[in-house]
Amino acid sequence: MGIAWVKSSDSFSNGNCVEVAEDGSRVLVRDSKHPDGPVLAFTRAEWEAFLEGAKGGEFDGLPGPAVAPCS
C-alpha cells in the first residue's frame, strides 16, 4: 500500500496547493501540481514547530511569490 497524501479540503481543484503525508516518523510534503517531483521530509517535531509558528503568525509579513491562496 502506498503513502496516503492529503490536501486541504479548502484547496482549489486546480491543484495549486501542497499535499502532506505521514511515513513512519516523518511528515512528507510535496507540490500537488508535481506529485512525482521532489518531496520534503520533516521529523514530527519539526512539523509541529512549523504548524505552531504558522498558527501563531510567525511567518506573517515574510516576502514571497504573488500566488493565489489555496482556500
C-alpha atoms as a PDB file:
ATOM      1  CA  MET A   1       0.000   0.000   0.000  1.00  0.00           C
ATOM      2  CA  GLY A   2       1.330   3.444  -0.931  1.00  0.00           C
ATOM      3  CA  ILE A   3       1.525   6.631   1.051  1.00  0.00           C
ATOM      4  CA  ALA A   4      -1.809   8.388   1.619  1.00  0.00           C
ATOM      5  CA  TRP A   5      -1.376  12.024   0.572  1.00  0.00           C
ATOM      6  CA  VAL A   6      -3.808  14.606   1.968  1.00  0.00           C
ATOM      7  CA  LYS A   7      -4.696  18.018   0.567  1.00  0.00           C
ATOM      8  CA  SER A   8      -6.725  20.651   2.427  1.00  0.00           C
ATOM      9  CA  SER A   9     -10.459  20.466   1.851  1.00  0.00           C
ATOM     10  CA  ASP A  10     -10.215  24.231   1.201  1.00  0.00           C
ATOM     11  CA  SER A  11      -7.950  23.667  -1.817  1.00  0.00           C
ATOM     12  CA  PHE A  12      -8.945  24.689  -5.308  1.00  0.00           C
ATOM     13  CA  SER A  13      -9.413  21.915  -7.833  1.00  0.00           C
ATOM     14  CA  ASN A  14      -6.605  23.412  -9.989  1.00  0.00           C
ATOM     15  CA  GLY A  15      -4.010  21.733  -7.743  1.00  0.00           C
ATOM     16  CA  ASN A  16      -2.205  24.871  -6.569  1.00  0.00           C
ATOM     17  CA  CYS A  17      -1.506  23.543  -3.090  1.00  0.00           C
ATOM     18  CA  VAL A  18       0.730  21.222  -1.166  1.00  0.00           C
ATOM     19  CA  GLU A  19      -0.076  17.709  -0.048  1.00  0.00           C
ATOM     20  CA  VAL A  20       1.022  16.171   3.246  1.00  0.00           C
ATOM     21  CA  ALA A  21       1.530  12.543   4.242  1.00  0.00           C
ATOM     22  CA  GLU A  22       2.942  10.539   7.134  1.00  0.00           C
ATOM     23  CA  ASP A  23       5.582   7.906   6.559  1.00  0.00           C
ATOM     24  CA  GLY A  24       6.526   6.328   9.850  1.00  0.00           C
ATOM     25  CA  SER A  25       8.150   9.022  11.962  1.00  0.00           C
ATOM     26  CA  ARG A  26       8.392  11.512   9.081  1.00  0.00           C
ATOM     27  CA  VAL A  27       5.946  14.065   7.710  1.00  0.00           C
ATOM     28  CA  LEU A  28       6.237  14.447   3.931  1.00  0.00           C
ATOM     29  CA  VAL A  29       5.254  17.499   1.877  1.00  0.00           C
ATOM     30  CA  ARG A  30       5.004  17.789  -1.909  1.00  0.00           C
ATOM     31  CA  ASP A  31       3.639  20.143  -4.562  1.00  0.00           C
ATOM     32  CA  SER A  32       0.228  18.897  -5.644  1.00  0.00           C
ATOM     33  CA  LYS A  33       0.913  20.063  -9.234  1.00  0.00           C
ATOM     34  CA  HIS A  34       4.017  17.848  -9.401  1.00  0.00           C
ATOM     35  CA  PRO A  35       3.252  14.662  -7.459  1.00  0.00           C
ATOM     36  CA  ASP A  36       6.270  12.879  -8.949  1.00  0.00           C
ATOM     37  CA  GLY A  37       8.584  15.791  -8.106  1.00  0.00           C
ATOM     38  CA  PRO A  38      10.687  16.437  -5.001  1.00  0.00           C
ATOM     39  CA  VAL A  39       9.359  15.624  -1.547  1.00  0.00           C
ATOM     40  CA  LEU A  40      10.353  17.473   1.623  1.00  0.00           C
ATOM     41  CA  ALA A  41      10.690  15.307   4.741  1.00  0.00           C
ATOM     42  CA  PHE A  42      10.402  16.606   8.298  1.00  0.00           C
ATOM     43  CA  THR A  43      10.519  14.989  11.696  1.00  0.00           C
ATOM     44  CA  ARG A  44       7.285  15.115  13.669  1.00  0.00           C
ATOM     45  CA  ALA A  45       8.887  17.727  15.994  1.00  0.00           C
ATOM     46  CA  GLU A  46       9.920  19.917  13.049  1.00  0.00           C
ATOM     47  CA  TRP A  47       6.453  19.708  11.511  1.00  0.00           C
ATOM     48  CA  GLU A  48       4.714  20.556  14.774  1.00  0.00           C
ATOM     49  CA  ALA A  49       7.071  23.521  15.325  1.00  0.00           C
ATOM     50  CA  PHE A  50       6.242  24.771  11.806  1.00  0.00           C
ATOM     51  CA  LEU A  51       2.485  24.432  12.390  1.00  0.00           C
ATOM     52  CA  GLU A  52       2.740  26.209  15.732  1.00  0.00           C
ATOM     53  CA  GLY A  53       4.680  29.061  14.112  1.00  0.00           C
ATOM     54  CA  ALA A  54       2.223  29.332  11.218  1.00  0.00           C
ATOM     55  CA  LYS A  55      -0.786  29.373  13.555  1.00  0.00           C
ATOM     56  CA  GLY A  56       0.948  31.953  15.762  1.00  0.00           C
ATOM     57  CA  GLY A  57       1.677  34.318  12.857  1.00  0.00           C
ATOM     58  CA  GLU A  58       5.447  33.767  12.972  1.00  0.00           C
ATOM     59  CA  PHE A  59       5.641  33.853   9.169  1.00  0.00           C
ATOM     60  CA  ASP A  60       3.233  36.737   8.554  1.00  0.00           C
ATOM     61  CA  GLY A  61       4.831  39.508   6.536  1.00  0.00           C
ATOM     62  CA  LEU A  62       7.590  37.389   5.023  1.00  0.00           C
ATOM     63  CA  PRO A  63       8.178  38.166   1.356  1.00  0.00           C
ATOM     64  CA  GLY A  64       7.012  35.513  -1.039  1.00  0.00           C
ATOM     65  CA  PRO A  65       5.724  34.922  -4.551  1.00  0.00           C
ATOM     66  CA  ALA A  66       2.460  36.530  -5.550  1.00  0.00           C
ATOM     67  CA  VAL A  67       0.220  33.478  -5.803  1.00  0.00           C
ATOM     68  CA  ALA A  68      -3.401  32.831  -5.010  1.00  0.00           C
ATOM     69  CA  PRO A  69      -4.060  31.138  -1.671  1.00  0.00           C
ATOM     70  CA  CYS A  70      -5.300  27.566  -1.598  1.00  0.00           C
ATOM     71  CA  SER A  71      -8.569  28.437   0.099  1.00  0.00           C
END
